[in-house]
Amino acid sequence: MTAVRSIVALVALIALLCTPVNAIKFQLQAQKHPEPLCIWNYALQDTLAIISINVVPTDPGKATQQKVAARVIDRTYHNVYLNKPNLLGETRLAISTHHNSDLGVCVTNTGPESLSAIVDLDVQLGGDAVDYNAIANQESLSGMETELRKLLTVADEILEQMDYMKRREMRMTKTNDSTLGRVHSFAWISVVAIVALGVWQVFHLRDFFKRKYLID
């Protein structure tokens, strides 16, 4: 039993070290025509994403004079998953991705430039977005079983990412092979064209010199 606990603890430590930090806190200045500030995280297809946004105005008395909005998009296919205006306080959003792409949470603050808001953004993807406490209560799981369930989810995500990287590598290899074949074909065509042009120039100069009686 002690060995099992040690193995579970080791795997949990490795999973913890490999998990990216998706929480960020920053001050967002208000502008009349604001440029969106986007935080990007890569997500595979059909990945659950839980987004927590906590907006606290630096001047609570003028909170209604600024409008903080958030939009959840992906970089590759330009899908707009959610568009939430007038954020104030804590808001939780949940989406499921449609493609393998960078998932972005873009935040804007519209209002007088003298105002600003503190934005606390937390993005949980895949297994990190699952409420394991609720699962444990529903299925009457022990603490060890809950940790094993969590590690199983993390392992599945790692295998899925490795499979995606393998498919991507194979696609890139095919692209490289196709490009290399085209380069070789172009090189041979260039060599043949240069040789043909050289031969044509030799015969053309020969006829020219014959017309000028410079050679027999």
C-alpha atoms as a PDB file:
ATOM      1  CA  MET A   1       0.000   0.000   0.000  1.00  0.00           C
ATOM      2  CA  THR A   2       2.905   2.328   0.808  1.00  0.00           C
ATOM      3  CA  ALA A   3       4.452   1.653  -2.604  1.00  0.00           C
ATOM      4  CA  VAL A   4       1.168   2.452  -4.322  1.00  0.00           C
ATOM      5  CA  ARG A   5       0.900   5.722  -2.421  1.00  0.00           C
ATOM      6  CA  SER A   6       4.468   6.604  -3.378  1.00  0.00           C
ATOM      7  CA  ILE A   7       3.786   5.918  -7.054  1.00  0.00           C
ATOM      8  CA  VAL A   8       0.586   7.957  -6.980  1.00  0.00           C
ATOM      9  CA  ALA A   9       2.368  10.819  -5.226  1.00  0.00           C
ATOM     10  CA  LEU A  10       5.189  10.729  -7.788  1.00  0.00           C
ATOM     11  CA  VAL A  11       2.798  10.741 -10.746  1.00  0.00           C
ATOM     12  CA  ALA A  12       0.785  13.532  -9.140  1.00  0.00           C
ATOM     13  CA  LEU A  13       3.947  15.596  -8.661  1.00  0.00           C
ATOM     14  CA  ILE A  14       4.958  15.092 -12.302  1.00  0.00           C
ATOM     15  CA  ALA A  15       1.451  16.007 -13.500  1.00  0.00           C
ATOM     16  CA  LEU A  16       1.522  19.089 -11.295  1.00  0.00           C
ATOM     17  CA  LEU A  17       4.874  20.196 -12.690  1.00  0.00           C
ATOM     18  CA  CYS A  18       3.679  19.625 -16.255  1.00  0.00           C
ATOM     19  CA  THR A  19       0.450  21.581 -15.752  1.00  0.00           C
ATOM     20  CA  PRO A  20       0.659  25.154 -17.089  1.00  0.00           C
ATOM     21  CA  VAL A  21      -0.338  28.095 -14.931  1.00  0.00           C
ATOM     22  CA  ASN A  22      -3.476  29.544 -16.501  1.00  0.00           C
ATOM     23  CA  ALA A  23      -4.362  32.154 -13.854  1.00  0.00           C
ATOM     24  CA  ILE A  24      -3.393  35.790 -14.334  1.00  0.00           C
ATOM     25  CA  LYS A  25      -4.243  39.052 -12.605  1.00  0.00           C
ATOM     26  CA  PHE A  26      -3.770  42.452 -14.217  1.00  0.00           C
ATOM     27  CA  GLN A  27      -5.020  46.033 -14.272  1.00  0.00           C
ATOM     28  CA  LEU A  28      -6.985  46.940 -17.400  1.00  0.00           C
ATOM     29  CA  GLN A  29      -7.077  50.616 -18.330  1.00  0.00           C
ATOM     30  CA  ALA A  30     -10.305  51.984 -19.773  1.00  0.00           C
ATOM     31  CA  GLN A  31     -10.276  53.542 -23.244  1.00  0.00           C
ATOM     32  CA  LYS A  32     -12.856  55.050 -25.553  1.00  0.00           C
ATOM     33  CA  HIS A  33     -11.854  52.661 -28.346  1.00  0.00           C
ATOM     34  CA  PRO A  34     -10.038  49.851 -26.530  1.00  0.00           C
ATOM     35  CA  GLU A  35      -7.841  47.245 -28.121  1.00  0.00           C
ATOM     36  CA  PRO A  36      -8.625  43.759 -26.781  1.00  0.00           C
ATOM     37  CA  LEU A  37      -6.105  42.166 -24.455  1.00  0.00           C
ATOM     38  CA  CYS A  38      -6.037  38.449 -25.285  1.00  0.00           C
ATOM     39  CA  ILE A  39      -4.729  35.581 -23.188  1.00  0.00           C
ATOM     40  CA  TRP A  40      -4.079  32.453 -25.263  1.00  0.00           C
ATOM     41  CA  ASN A  41      -4.009  28.774 -24.286  1.00  0.00           C
ATOM     42  CA  TYR A  42      -3.690  25.862 -26.678  1.00  0.00           C
ATOM     43  CA  ALA A  43      -6.592  23.397 -26.504  1.00  0.00           C
ATOM     44  CA  LEU A  44      -7.410  20.221 -28.391  1.00  0.00           C
ATOM     45  CA  GLN A  45     -10.761  19.508 -30.016  1.00  0.00           C
ATOM     46  CA  ASP A  46     -13.703  18.738 -27.687  1.00  0.00           C
ATOM     47  CA  THR A  47     -11.856  20.077 -24.640  1.00  0.00           C
ATOM     48  CA  LEU A  48     -13.887  21.438 -21.746  1.00  0.00           C
ATOM     49  CA  ALA A  49     -12.818  24.951 -20.743  1.00  0.00           C
ATOM     50  CA  ILE A  50     -13.929  26.707 -17.562  1.00  0.00           C
ATOM     51  CA  ILE A  51     -13.158  30.438 -17.550  1.00  0.00           C
ATOM     52  CA  SER A  52     -13.438  32.464 -14.349  1.00  0.00           C
ATOM     53  CA  ILE A  53     -13.288  36.257 -14.622  1.00  0.00           C
ATOM     54  CA  ASN A  54     -13.397  38.518 -11.589  1.00  0.00           C
ATOM     55  CA  VAL A  55     -13.650  42.235 -12.388  1.00  0.00           C
ATOM     56  CA  VAL A  56     -13.114  44.790  -9.602  1.00  0.00           C
ATOM     57  CA  PRO A  57     -13.133  48.514 -10.525  1.00  0.00           C
ATOM     58  CA  THR A  58     -10.332  50.513  -8.949  1.00  0.00           C
ATOM     59  CA  ASP A  59     -12.884  53.256  -8.233  1.00  0.00           C
ATOM     60  CA  PRO A  60     -16.110  51.529  -7.099  1.00  0.00           C
ATOM     61  CA  GLY A  61     -17.999  54.828  -7.136  1.00  0.00           C
ATOM     62  CA  LYS A  62     -17.531  55.077 -10.919  1.00  0.00           C
ATOM     63  CA  ALA A  63     -18.041  51.411 -11.741  1.00  0.00           C
ATOM     64  CA  THR A  64     -20.987  52.151 -14.038  1.00  0.00           C
ATOM     65  CA  GLN A  65     -18.867  54.499 -16.175  1.00  0.00           C
ATOM     66  CA  GLN A  66     -16.710  51.685 -17.556  1.00  0.00           C
ATOM     67  CA  LYS A  67     -17.804  48.548 -19.385  1.00  0.00           C
ATOM     68  CA  VAL A  68     -15.599  45.468 -19.169  1.00  0.00           C
ATOM     69  CA  ALA A  69     -16.375  42.822 -21.792  1.00  0.00           C
ATOM     70  CA  ALA A  70     -14.884  39.419 -22.584  1.00  0.00           C
ATOM     71  CA  ARG A  71     -14.893  37.399 -25.774  1.00  0.00           C
ATOM     72  CA  VAL A  72     -13.764  33.777 -26.115  1.00  0.00           C
ATOM     73  CA  ILE A  73     -12.393  32.969 -29.573  1.00  0.00           C
ATOM     74  CA  ASP A  74      -9.984  30.628 -31.301  1.00  0.00           C
ATOM     75  CA  ARG A  75      -7.057  31.875 -33.325  1.00  0.00           C
ATOM     76  CA  THR A  76      -7.137  29.460 -36.268  1.00  0.00           C
ATOM     77  CA  TYR A  77     -10.818  29.175 -37.216  1.00  0.00           C
ATOM     78  CA  HIS A  78     -11.990  32.518 -35.724  1.00  0.00           C
ATOM     79  CA  ASN A  79     -14.878  30.922 -33.881  1.00  0.00           C
ATOM     80  CA  VAL A  80     -16.548  33.163 -31.302  1.00  0.00           C
ATOM     81  CA  TYR A  81     -17.615  30.855 -28.480  1.00  0.00           C
ATOM     82  CA  LEU A  82     -18.863  33.502 -26.065  1.00  0.00           C
ATOM     83  CA  ASN A  83     -19.274  37.257 -25.918  1.00  0.00           C
ATOM     84  CA  LYS A  84     -20.000  38.635 -22.440  1.00  0.00           C
ATOM     85  CA  PRO A  85     -20.508  42.410 -21.994  1.00  0.00           C
ATOM     86  CA  ASN A  86     -20.786  44.442 -18.786  1.00  0.00           C
ATOM     87  CA  LEU A  87     -18.744  42.179 -16.543  1.00  0.00           C
ATOM     88  CA  LEU A  88     -18.640  43.090 -12.865  1.00  0.00           C
ATOM     89  CA  GLY A  89     -17.674  40.840 -10.002  1.00  0.00           C
ATOM     90  CA  GLU A  90     -17.034  37.140 -10.573  1.00  0.00           C
ATOM     91  CA  THR A  91     -18.316  35.389 -13.699  1.00  0.00           C
ATOM     92  CA  ARG A  92     -17.831  31.750 -14.698  1.00  0.00           C
ATOM     93  CA  LEU A  93     -18.044  30.646 -18.321  1.00  0.00           C
ATOM     94  CA  ALA A  94     -17.971  27.134 -19.757  1.00  0.00           C
ATOM     95  CA  ILE A  95     -17.363  26.094 -23.371  1.00  0.00           C
ATOM     96  CA  SER A  96     -16.324  23.031 -25.358  1.00  0.00           C
ATOM     97  CA  THR A  97     -13.793  23.599 -28.125  1.00  0.00           C
ATOM     98  CA  HIS A  98     -14.587  22.659 -31.719  1.00  0.00           C
ATOM     99  CA  HIS A  99     -11.080  22.388 -33.170  1.00  0.00           C
ATOM    100  CA  ASN A 100      -7.421  21.987 -32.261  1.00  0.00           C
ATOM    101  CA  SER A 101      -6.433  25.615 -31.889  1.00  0.00           C
ATOM    102  CA  ASP A 102      -5.246  28.395 -29.595  1.00  0.00           C
ATOM    103  CA  LEU A 103      -8.136  29.407 -27.356  1.00  0.00           C
ATOM    104  CA  GLY A 104      -8.150  33.095 -26.486  1.00  0.00           C
ATOM    105  CA  VAL A 105      -9.944  35.111 -23.825  1.00  0.00           C
ATOM    106  CA  CYS A 106      -9.992  38.725 -25.056  1.00  0.00           C
ATOM    107  CA  VAL A 107     -10.891  41.430 -22.538  1.00  0.00           C
ATOM    108  CA  THR A 108     -11.717  45.094 -23.217  1.00  0.00           C
ATOM    109  CA  ASN A 109     -12.545  48.042 -20.966  1.00  0.00           C
ATOM    110  CA  THR A 110     -14.580  50.855 -22.516  1.00  0.00           C
ATOM    111  CA  GLY A 111     -14.839  54.146 -20.680  1.00  0.00           C
ATOM    112  CA  PRO A 112     -12.918  57.293 -19.654  1.00  0.00           C
ATOM    113  CA  GLU A 113      -9.159  56.817 -19.678  1.00  0.00           C
ATOM    114  CA  SER A 114      -8.923  57.913 -16.042  1.00  0.00           C
ATOM    115  CA  LEU A 115     -10.668  54.699 -14.951  1.00  0.00           C
ATOM    116  CA  SER A 116      -9.396  51.131 -14.722  1.00  0.00           C
ATOM    117  CA  ALA A 117     -10.343  47.742 -13.339  1.00  0.00           C
ATOM    118  CA  ILE A 118      -8.508  44.822 -11.766  1.00  0.00           C
ATOM    119  CA  VAL A 119      -9.167  41.648 -13.776  1.00  0.00           C
ATOM    120  CA  ASP A 120      -8.494  38.243 -12.254  1.00  0.00           C
ATOM    121  CA  LEU A 121      -8.617  35.649 -15.039  1.00  0.00           C
ATOM    122  CA  ASP A 122      -8.409  31.891 -14.532  1.00  0.00           C
ATOM    123  CA  VAL A 123      -8.662  29.407 -17.421  1.00  0.00           C
ATOM    124  CA  GLN A 124      -8.986  25.691 -16.689  1.00  0.00           C
ATOM    125  CA  LEU A 125      -8.746  23.219 -19.568  1.00  0.00           C
ATOM    126  CA  GLY A 126      -9.556  19.533 -19.832  1.00  0.00           C
ATOM    127  CA  GLY A 127      -9.045  17.603 -16.630  1.00  0.00           C
ATOM    128  CA  ASP A 128      -8.342  20.779 -14.665  1.00  0.00           C
ATOM    129  CA  ALA A 129     -11.863  21.980 -15.473  1.00  0.00           C
ATOM    130  CA  VAL A 130     -13.563  18.903 -14.020  1.00  0.00           C
ATOM    131  CA  ASP A 131     -15.072  19.176 -10.542  1.00  0.00           C
ATOM    132  CA  TYR A 132     -13.664  16.015  -8.981  1.00  0.00           C
ATOM    133  CA  ASN A 133     -15.172  16.803  -5.583  1.00  0.00           C
ATOM    134  CA  ALA A 134     -18.651  16.598  -7.090  1.00  0.00           C
ATOM    135  CA  ILE A 135     -17.734  13.339  -8.823  1.00  0.00           C
ATOM    136  CA  ALA A 136     -16.370  11.926  -5.580  1.00  0.00           C
ATOM    137  CA  ASN A 137     -19.556  12.829  -3.706  1.00  0.00           C
ATOM    138  CA  GLN A 138     -21.765  11.433  -6.436  1.00  0.00           C
ATOM    139  CA  GLU A 139     -19.891   8.135  -6.822  1.00  0.00           C
ATOM    140  CA  SER A 140     -18.792   7.824  -3.159  1.00  0.00           C
ATOM    141  CA  LEU A 141     -15.100   7.757  -4.066  1.00  0.00           C
ATOM    142  CA  SER A 142     -12.318   7.835  -1.504  1.00  0.00           C
ATOM    143  CA  GLY A 143      -9.509  10.378  -1.644  1.00  0.00           C
ATOM    144  CA  MET A 144      -7.155   7.868  -3.277  1.00  0.00           C
ATOM    145  CA  GLU A 145      -9.754   6.886  -5.876  1.00  0.00           C
ATOM    146  CA  THR A 146     -10.425  10.546  -6.655  1.00  0.00           C
ATOM    147  CA  GLU A 147      -6.713  11.198  -7.189  1.00  0.00           C
ATOM    148  CA  LEU A 148      -6.470   8.125  -9.404  1.00  0.00           C
ATOM    149  CA  ARG A 149      -9.450   9.354 -11.439  1.00  0.00           C
ATOM    150  CA  LYS A 150      -7.751  12.728 -11.826  1.00  0.00           C
ATOM    151  CA  LEU A 151      -4.448  11.129 -12.849  1.00  0.00           C
ATOM    152  CA  LEU A 152      -6.272   8.896 -15.338  1.00  0.00           C
ATOM    153  CA  THR A 153      -7.811  11.989 -16.945  1.00  0.00           C
ATOM    154  CA  VAL A 154      -4.410  13.697 -17.108  1.00  0.00           C
ATOM    155  CA  ALA A 155      -2.852  10.564 -18.632  1.00  0.00           C
ATOM    156  CA  ASP A 156      -5.602  10.412 -21.281  1.00  0.00           C
ATOM    157  CA  GLU A 157      -4.990  14.058 -22.145  1.00  0.00           C
ATOM    158  CA  ILE A 158      -1.250  13.449 -22.463  1.00  0.00           C
ATOM    159  CA  LEU A 159      -1.857  10.459 -24.758  1.00  0.00           C
ATOM    160  CA  GLU A 160      -4.284  12.515 -26.841  1.00  0.00           C
ATOM    161  CA  GLN A 161      -1.742  15.321 -27.156  1.00  0.00           C
ATOM    162  CA  MET A 162       0.977  12.859 -28.136  1.00  0.00           C
ATOM    163  CA  ASP A 163      -1.338  11.320 -30.747  1.00  0.00           C
ATOM    164  CA  TYR A 164      -2.123  14.783 -32.112  1.00  0.00           C
ATOM    165  CA  MET A 165       1.593  15.652 -32.273  1.00  0.00           C
ATOM    166  CA  LYS A 166       2.263  12.350 -34.076  1.00  0.00           C
ATOM    167  CA  ARG A 167      -0.424  13.091 -36.681  1.00  0.00           C
ATOM    168  CA  ARG A 168       0.887  16.631 -37.049  1.00  0.00           C
ATOM    169  CA  GLU A 169       4.444  15.356 -37.529  1.00  0.00           C
ATOM    170  CA  MET A 170       3.266  12.898 -40.183  1.00  0.00           C
ATOM    171  CA  ARG A 171       1.394  15.682 -41.991  1.00  0.00           C
ATOM    172  CA  MET A 172       4.456  17.931 -41.873  1.00  0.00           C
ATOM    173  CA  THR A 173       6.655  15.073 -43.109  1.00  0.00           C
ATOM    174  CA  LYS A 174       4.359  14.549 -46.094  1.00  0.00           C
ATOM    175  CA  THR A 175       4.441  18.282 -46.801  1.00  0.00           C
ATOM    176  CA  ASN A 176       8.251  18.318 -46.614  1.00  0.00           C
ATOM    177  CA  ASP A 177       8.519  15.286 -48.911  1.00  0.00           C
ATOM    178  CA  SER A 178       6.150  16.890 -51.412  1.00  0.00           C
ATOM    179  CA  THR A 179       8.094  20.165 -51.301  1.00  0.00           C
ATOM    180  CA  LEU A 180      11.405  18.319 -51.712  1.00  0.00           C
ATOM    181  CA  GLY A 181      10.025  16.441 -54.729  1.00  0.00           C
ATOM    182  CA  ARG A 182       8.912  19.696 -56.335  1.00  0.00           C
ATOM    183  CA  VAL A 183      12.311  21.289 -55.670  1.00  0.00           C
ATOM    184  CA  HIS A 184      14.061  18.329 -57.314  1.00  0.00           C
ATOM    185  CA  SER A 185      11.734  18.535 -60.305  1.00  0.00           C
ATOM    186  CA  PHE A 186      12.343  22.273 -60.637  1.00  0.00           C
ATOM    187  CA  ALA A 187      16.104  21.716 -60.373  1.00  0.00           C
ATOM    188  CA  TRP A 188      16.075  19.131 -63.179  1.00  0.00           C
ATOM    189  CA  ILE A 189      13.882  21.360 -65.340  1.00  0.00           C
ATOM    190  CA  SER A 190      16.317  24.233 -64.746  1.00  0.00           C
ATOM    191  CA  VAL A 191      19.313  22.071 -65.698  1.00  0.00           C
ATOM    192  CA  VAL A 192      17.608  20.841 -68.883  1.00  0.00           C
ATOM    193  CA  ALA A 193      16.577  24.401 -69.786  1.00  0.00           C
ATOM    194  CA  ILE A 194      20.116  25.723 -69.242  1.00  0.00           C
ATOM    195  CA  VAL A 195      21.654  22.915 -71.320  1.00  0.00           C
ATOM    196  CA  ALA A 196      19.107  23.435 -74.105  1.00  0.00           C
ATOM    197  CA  LEU A 197      19.740  27.186 -74.065  1.00  0.00           C
ATOM    198  CA  GLY A 198      23.506  26.598 -74.210  1.00  0.00           C
ATOM    199  CA  VAL A 199      23.155  24.240 -77.187  1.00  0.00           C
ATOM    200  CA  TRP A 200      20.889  26.720 -78.961  1.00  0.00           C
ATOM    201  CA  GLN A 201      23.393  29.525 -78.371  1.00  0.00           C
ATOM    202  CA  VAL A 202      26.246  27.412 -79.769  1.00  0.00           C
ATOM    203  CA  PHE A 203      24.347  26.663 -83.002  1.00  0.00           C
ATOM    204  CA  HIS A 204      23.141  30.267 -83.262  1.00  0.00           C
ATOM    205  CA  LEU A 205      26.660  31.661 -82.890  1.00  0.00           C
ATOM    206  CA  ARG A 206      27.962  29.095 -85.361  1.00  0.00           C
ATOM    207  CA  ASP A 207      25.422  30.172 -87.984  1.00  0.00           C
ATOM    208  CA  PHE A 208      26.207  33.837 -87.260  1.00  0.00           C
ATOM    209  CA  PHE A 209      29.933  33.379 -87.730  1.00  0.00           C
ATOM    210  CA  LYS A 210      29.308  31.417 -90.933  1.00  0.00           C
ATOM    211  CA  ARG A 211      27.218  34.275 -92.320  1.00  0.00           C
ATOM    212  CA  LYS A 212      30.011  36.696 -91.512  1.00  0.00           C
ATOM    213  CA  TYR A 213      32.561  34.316 -93.139  1.00  0.00           C
ATOM    214  CA  LEU A 214      34.500  34.163 -89.902  1.00  0.00           C
ATOM    215  CA  ILE A 215      34.502  30.366 -89.892  1.00  0.00           C
ATOM    216  CA  ASP A 216      34.059  27.701 -92.546  1.00  0.00           C
END
